[in-house]
Amino acid sequence: MEFDREIRARISTSILKKRLANGWSQKVLAEKCGVSQSAIAHIESGRKLPKYYKLCEISVILDIPMGSFFPKTVANSLFRHTIFGQLWLRFSYWWYIRRRNKSDNHESE
């Protein structure tokens, strides 16, 4: 579960810091992203992860590189600004969600 906390922390703190640096409220960011203010609050607190496409949209709106949300790996470093990098990030996010869902299922048993 350490990996889970690390990813959530990276995503939530990156979004929060950039939003505050832009001088935006959660409501302003929510309007730009097409979500509710409470969804932004959940994302920034680490209680909820956005879907991949919404994370991409938030990263574009806030000008945050998608690779910064994920651990520094060789693949992230080599492919960051290529189509392979985008595919790698999408695969990484899918793998992370898959692992998280499996661990959630095991905890509830």
N, C-alpha and C. Protein backbone atom coordinates (compact mmCIF):
# COMPACT_ATOMS: atom_id res chain seq x y z
N MET A 1 0.82 -1.21 0.00
CA MET A 1 0.00 0.00 0.00
C MET A 1 0.85 1.26 0.00
N GLU A 2 2.15 1.12 0.19
CA GLU A 2 3.04 2.29 0.15
C GLU A 2 3.01 2.94 -1.23
N PHE A 3 2.98 2.10 -2.28
CA PHE A 3 2.92 2.61 -3.64
C PHE A 3 1.65 3.42 -3.84
N ASP A 4 0.54 2.94 -3.30
CA ASP A 4 -0.74 3.63 -3.40
C ASP A 4 -0.66 5.02 -2.79
N ARG A 5 -0.10 5.12 -1.60
CA ARG A 5 0.03 6.42 -0.94
C ARG A 5 0.94 7.36 -1.71
N GLU A 6 2.01 6.81 -2.27
CA GLU A 6 2.95 7.64 -3.03
C GLU A 6 2.30 8.25 -4.27
N ILE A 7 1.57 7.44 -5.01
CA ILE A 7 0.90 7.95 -6.22
C ILE A 7 -0.17 8.97 -5.85
N ARG A 8 -0.99 8.65 -4.88
CA ARG A 8 -2.03 9.60 -4.45
C ARG A 8 -1.42 10.91 -3.98
N ALA A 9 -0.33 10.82 -3.23
CA ALA A 9 0.32 12.03 -2.72
C ALA A 9 0.90 12.86 -3.87
N ARG A 10 1.53 12.20 -4.83
CA ARG A 10 2.09 12.93 -5.98
C ARG A 10 1.01 13.67 -6.74
N ILE A 11 -0.08 12.97 -7.03
CA ILE A 11 -1.16 13.58 -7.80
C ILE A 11 -1.81 14.72 -7.02
N SER A 12 -2.18 14.45 -5.78
CA SER A 12 -2.91 15.47 -5.01
C SER A 12 -2.05 16.70 -4.72
N THR A 13 -0.80 16.52 -4.31
CA THR A 13 0.03 17.69 -4.01
C THR A 13 0.41 18.48 -5.26
N SER A 14 0.63 17.78 -6.37
CA SER A 14 0.96 18.49 -7.61
C SER A 14 -0.20 19.37 -8.05
N ILE A 15 -1.40 18.83 -8.01
CA ILE A 15 -2.59 19.59 -8.42
C ILE A 15 -2.83 20.74 -7.46
N LEU A 16 -2.75 20.48 -6.17
CA LEU A 16 -2.98 21.53 -5.17
C LEU A 16 -1.97 22.67 -5.31
N LYS A 17 -0.68 22.34 -5.41
CA LYS A 17 0.35 23.38 -5.51
C LYS A 17 0.19 24.22 -6.76
N LYS A 18 -0.08 23.58 -7.88
CA LYS A 18 -0.21 24.32 -9.14
C LYS A 18 -1.47 25.18 -9.14
N ARG A 19 -2.55 24.65 -8.57
CA ARG A 19 -3.80 25.44 -8.49
C ARG A 19 -3.58 26.69 -7.65
N LEU A 20 -2.92 26.53 -6.50
CA LEU A 20 -2.64 27.67 -5.64
C LEU A 20 -1.67 28.64 -6.28
N ALA A 21 -0.68 28.12 -7.01
CA ALA A 21 0.27 28.99 -7.70
C ALA A 21 -0.43 29.84 -8.77
N ASN A 22 -1.47 29.28 -9.37
CA ASN A 22 -2.25 30.03 -10.37
C ASN A 22 -3.22 31.00 -9.71
N GLY A 23 -3.41 30.87 -8.40
CA GLY A 23 -4.34 31.74 -7.69
C GLY A 23 -5.79 31.36 -7.91
N TRP A 24 -6.03 30.11 -8.23
CA TRP A 24 -7.39 29.64 -8.49
C TRP A 24 -7.98 28.98 -7.26
N SER A 25 -9.29 29.12 -7.12
CA SER A 25 -10.00 28.37 -6.09
C SER A 25 -10.32 26.99 -6.65
N GLN A 26 -10.77 26.11 -5.79
CA GLN A 26 -11.19 24.79 -6.25
C GLN A 26 -12.35 24.91 -7.23
N LYS A 27 -13.21 25.88 -6.99
CA LYS A 27 -14.37 26.08 -7.86
C LYS A 27 -13.93 26.48 -9.27
N VAL A 28 -12.94 27.35 -9.37
CA VAL A 28 -12.44 27.78 -10.69
C VAL A 28 -11.86 26.60 -11.45
N LEU A 29 -11.01 25.81 -10.77
CA LEU A 29 -10.43 24.64 -11.42
C LEU A 29 -11.52 23.65 -11.82
N ALA A 30 -12.50 23.46 -10.95
CA ALA A 30 -13.59 22.54 -11.25
C ALA A 30 -14.35 22.97 -12.50
N GLU A 31 -14.61 24.26 -12.63
CA GLU A 31 -15.32 24.77 -13.81
C GLU A 31 -14.50 24.55 -15.08
N LYS A 32 -13.20 24.78 -14.99
CA LYS A 32 -12.32 24.58 -16.16
C LYS A 32 -12.25 23.11 -16.56
N CYS A 33 -12.36 22.21 -15.58
CA CYS A 33 -12.26 20.77 -15.84
C CYS A 33 -13.61 20.11 -16.11
N GLY A 34 -14.68 20.81 -15.82
CA GLY A 34 -16.01 20.24 -16.03
C GLY A 34 -16.40 19.23 -14.98
N VAL A 35 -15.93 19.44 -13.75
CA VAL A 35 -16.31 18.57 -12.63
C VAL A 35 -16.82 19.45 -11.49
N SER A 36 -17.27 18.82 -10.44
CA SER A 36 -17.76 19.58 -9.29
C SER A 36 -16.60 20.01 -8.40
N GLN A 37 -16.85 21.01 -7.59
CA GLN A 37 -15.83 21.49 -6.65
C GLN A 37 -15.47 20.40 -5.65
N SER A 38 -16.47 19.61 -5.25
CA SER A 38 -16.19 18.54 -4.29
C SER A 38 -15.30 17.46 -4.92
N ALA A 39 -15.40 17.23 -6.23
CA ALA A 39 -14.52 16.27 -6.90
C ALA A 39 -13.07 16.75 -6.82
N ILE A 40 -12.85 18.04 -7.04
CA ILE A 40 -11.50 18.59 -6.93
C ILE A 40 -11.00 18.46 -5.49
N ALA A 41 -11.88 18.73 -4.52
CA ALA A 41 -11.50 18.61 -3.11
C ALA A 41 -11.09 17.17 -2.78
N HIS A 42 -11.84 16.19 -3.31
CA HIS A 42 -11.50 14.78 -3.08
C HIS A 42 -10.18 14.41 -3.73
N ILE A 43 -9.93 14.92 -4.92
CA ILE A 43 -8.67 14.63 -5.61
C ILE A 43 -7.50 15.25 -4.86
N GLU A 44 -7.64 16.51 -4.46
CA GLU A 44 -6.55 17.19 -3.76
C GLU A 44 -6.28 16.61 -2.37
N SER A 45 -7.28 16.04 -1.76
CA SER A 45 -7.08 15.43 -0.44
C SER A 45 -6.54 14.00 -0.55
N GLY A 46 -6.55 13.45 -1.76
CA GLY A 46 -6.07 12.10 -1.96
C GLY A 46 -7.11 11.03 -1.71
N ARG A 47 -8.35 11.42 -1.48
CA ARG A 47 -9.41 10.45 -1.23
C ARG A 47 -9.92 9.79 -2.52
N LYS A 48 -9.72 10.48 -3.64
CA LYS A 48 -10.24 9.98 -4.90
C LYS A 48 -9.20 10.23 -6.00
N LEU A 49 -9.10 9.30 -6.92
CA LEU A 49 -8.25 9.48 -8.09
C LEU A 49 -9.12 9.74 -9.30
N PRO A 50 -8.74 10.70 -10.12
CA PRO A 50 -9.54 10.94 -11.33
C PRO A 50 -9.29 9.82 -12.34
N LYS A 51 -10.22 9.66 -13.25
CA LYS A 51 -10.00 8.73 -14.36
C LYS A 51 -8.83 9.27 -15.18
N TYR A 52 -8.22 8.40 -15.97
CA TYR A 52 -7.02 8.78 -16.71
C TYR A 52 -7.27 9.99 -17.62
N TYR A 53 -8.38 9.98 -18.37
CA TYR A 53 -8.64 11.09 -19.28
C TYR A 53 -8.82 12.40 -18.53
N LYS A 54 -9.42 12.34 -17.33
CA LYS A 54 -9.62 13.56 -16.54
C LYS A 54 -8.29 14.03 -15.96
N LEU A 55 -7.44 13.09 -15.57
CA LEU A 55 -6.11 13.44 -15.08
C LEU A 55 -5.31 14.13 -16.20
N CYS A 56 -5.44 13.62 -17.43
CA CYS A 56 -4.78 14.26 -18.57
C CYS A 56 -5.31 15.68 -18.77
N GLU A 57 -6.60 15.84 -18.68
CA GLU A 57 -7.22 17.16 -18.85
C GLU A 57 -6.75 18.13 -17.76
N ILE A 58 -6.71 17.67 -16.52
CA ILE A 58 -6.24 18.52 -15.42
C ILE A 58 -4.78 18.89 -15.63
N SER A 59 -3.98 17.93 -16.08
CA SER A 59 -2.56 18.22 -16.30
C SER A 59 -2.36 19.26 -17.39
N VAL A 60 -3.18 19.24 -18.42
CA VAL A 60 -3.09 20.24 -19.49
C VAL A 60 -3.54 21.60 -18.97
N ILE A 61 -4.66 21.63 -18.26
CA ILE A 61 -5.19 22.90 -17.75
C ILE A 61 -4.20 23.55 -16.79
N LEU A 62 -3.56 22.74 -15.93
CA LEU A 62 -2.62 23.28 -14.95
C LEU A 62 -1.17 23.31 -15.45
N ASP A 63 -0.94 22.79 -16.66
CA ASP A 63 0.40 22.73 -17.23
C ASP A 63 1.36 21.93 -16.35
N ILE A 64 0.90 20.74 -15.98
CA ILE A 64 1.70 19.79 -15.18
C ILE A 64 2.03 18.62 -16.09
N PRO A 65 3.30 18.26 -16.26
CA PRO A 65 3.61 17.09 -17.08
C PRO A 65 3.03 15.81 -16.46
N MET A 66 2.40 14.99 -17.28
CA MET A 66 1.82 13.74 -16.78
C MET A 66 2.85 12.86 -16.08
N GLY A 67 4.07 12.86 -16.59
CA GLY A 67 5.12 12.03 -16.01
C GLY A 67 5.45 12.38 -14.57
N SER A 68 5.15 13.61 -14.17
CA SER A 68 5.47 14.02 -12.80
C SER A 68 4.56 13.35 -11.77
N PHE A 69 3.45 12.79 -12.22
CA PHE A 69 2.54 12.09 -11.30
C PHE A 69 3.03 10.70 -10.93
N PHE A 70 3.97 10.18 -11.71
CA PHE A 70 4.42 8.81 -11.54
C PHE A 70 5.87 8.77 -11.09
N PRO A 71 6.28 7.67 -10.47
CA PRO A 71 7.67 7.56 -9.98
C PRO A 71 8.67 7.73 -11.12
N LYS A 72 9.85 8.20 -10.76
CA LYS A 72 10.92 8.38 -11.74
C LYS A 72 11.45 7.02 -12.15
N THR A 73 11.07 6.59 -13.33
CA THR A 73 11.56 5.32 -13.85
C THR A 73 12.29 5.58 -15.15
N VAL A 74 12.99 4.59 -15.62
CA VAL A 74 13.71 4.73 -16.89
C VAL A 74 12.73 5.01 -18.02
N ALA A 75 11.63 4.28 -18.04
CA ALA A 75 10.64 4.48 -19.11
C ALA A 75 10.07 5.89 -19.07
N ASN A 76 9.75 6.40 -17.88
CA ASN A 76 9.23 7.77 -17.78
C ASN A 76 10.25 8.77 -18.29
N SER A 77 11.52 8.55 -17.99
CA SER A 77 12.57 9.48 -18.41
C SER A 77 12.83 9.41 -19.90
N LEU A 78 12.87 8.21 -20.46
CA LEU A 78 13.20 8.05 -21.88
C LEU A 78 12.08 8.48 -22.81
N PHE A 79 10.85 8.13 -22.46
CA PHE A 79 9.74 8.32 -23.39
C PHE A 79 8.82 9.49 -23.05
N ARG A 80 9.19 10.30 -22.10
CA ARG A 80 8.30 11.32 -21.54
C ARG A 80 7.53 12.11 -22.60
N HIS A 81 8.18 12.61 -23.63
CA HIS A 81 7.53 13.52 -24.58
C HIS A 81 7.24 12.87 -25.92
N THR A 82 7.07 11.57 -25.95
CA THR A 82 6.76 10.87 -27.19
C THR A 82 5.43 10.16 -27.06
N ILE A 83 4.95 9.64 -28.16
CA ILE A 83 3.71 8.86 -28.13
C ILE A 83 3.90 7.62 -27.27
N PHE A 84 5.11 7.07 -27.29
CA PHE A 84 5.39 5.91 -26.44
C PHE A 84 5.29 6.29 -24.96
N GLY A 85 5.71 7.50 -24.65
CA GLY A 85 5.60 7.98 -23.28
C GLY A 85 4.15 8.07 -22.82
N GLN A 86 3.29 8.57 -23.72
CA GLN A 86 1.88 8.66 -23.38
C GLN A 86 1.27 7.27 -23.20
N LEU A 87 1.67 6.35 -24.06
CA LEU A 87 1.19 4.97 -23.91
C LEU A 87 1.70 4.35 -22.62
N TRP A 88 2.96 4.62 -22.32
CA TRP A 88 3.55 4.09 -21.08
C TRP A 88 2.84 4.65 -19.86
N LEU A 89 2.54 5.95 -19.86
CA LEU A 89 1.84 6.56 -18.73
C LEU A 89 0.44 5.98 -18.59
N ARG A 90 -0.22 5.78 -19.71
CA ARG A 90 -1.57 5.21 -19.65
C ARG A 90 -1.52 3.79 -19.09
N PHE A 91 -0.53 3.01 -19.55
CA PHE A 91 -0.36 1.65 -19.04
C PHE A 91 -0.03 1.69 -17.55
N SER A 92 0.85 2.60 -17.13
CA SER A 92 1.23 2.71 -15.71
C SER A 92 0.02 3.03 -14.85
N TYR A 93 -0.81 3.95 -15.32
CA TYR A 93 -2.00 4.33 -14.57
C TYR A 93 -2.96 3.15 -14.48
N TRP A 94 -3.16 2.46 -15.61
CA TRP A 94 -4.03 1.28 -15.62
C TRP A 94 -3.51 0.23 -14.64
N TRP A 95 -2.21 -0.02 -14.65
CA TRP A 95 -1.60 -1.02 -13.77
C TRP A 95 -1.77 -0.61 -12.31
N TYR A 96 -1.58 0.66 -12.04
CA TYR A 96 -1.75 1.15 -10.68
C TYR A 96 -3.19 0.94 -10.19
N ILE A 97 -4.17 1.32 -11.02
CA ILE A 97 -5.58 1.15 -10.65
C ILE A 97 -5.89 -0.32 -10.45
N ARG A 98 -5.36 -1.19 -11.30
CA ARG A 98 -5.58 -2.63 -11.19
C ARG A 98 -5.04 -3.16 -9.87
N ARG A 99 -3.81 -2.74 -9.52
CA ARG A 99 -3.21 -3.17 -8.26
C ARG A 99 -4.00 -2.67 -7.07
N ARG A 100 -4.43 -1.42 -7.15
CA ARG A 100 -5.19 -0.84 -6.05
C ARG A 100 -6.51 -1.56 -5.86
N ASN A 101 -7.18 -1.87 -6.95
CA ASN A 101 -8.48 -2.56 -6.86
C ASN A 101 -8.31 -3.97 -6.29
N LYS A 102 -7.24 -4.64 -6.67
CA LYS A 102 -6.98 -5.98 -6.13
C LYS A 102 -6.73 -5.91 -4.62
N SER A 103 -5.97 -4.91 -4.18
CA SER A 103 -5.68 -4.81 -2.74
C SER A 103 -6.93 -4.40 -1.98
N ASP A 104 -7.79 -3.58 -2.56
CA ASP A 104 -9.06 -3.22 -1.92
C ASP A 104 -9.94 -4.44 -1.75
N ASN A 105 -9.96 -5.31 -2.75
CA ASN A 105 -10.78 -6.53 -2.67
C ASN A 105 -10.26 -7.47 -1.60
N HIS A 106 -8.95 -7.58 -1.45
CA HIS A 106 -8.37 -8.46 -0.44
C HIS A 106 -8.62 -7.93 0.97
N GLU A 107 -8.62 -6.62 1.14
CA GLU A 107 -8.85 -6.04 2.46
C GLU A 107 -10.27 -6.24 2.92
N SER A 108 -11.22 -6.23 1.97
CA SER A 108 -12.62 -6.36 2.35
C SER A 108 -13.03 -7.79 2.64
N GLU A 109 -12.17 -8.74 2.29
CA GLU A 109 -12.52 -10.15 2.53
C GLU A 109 -12.29 -10.55 3.95
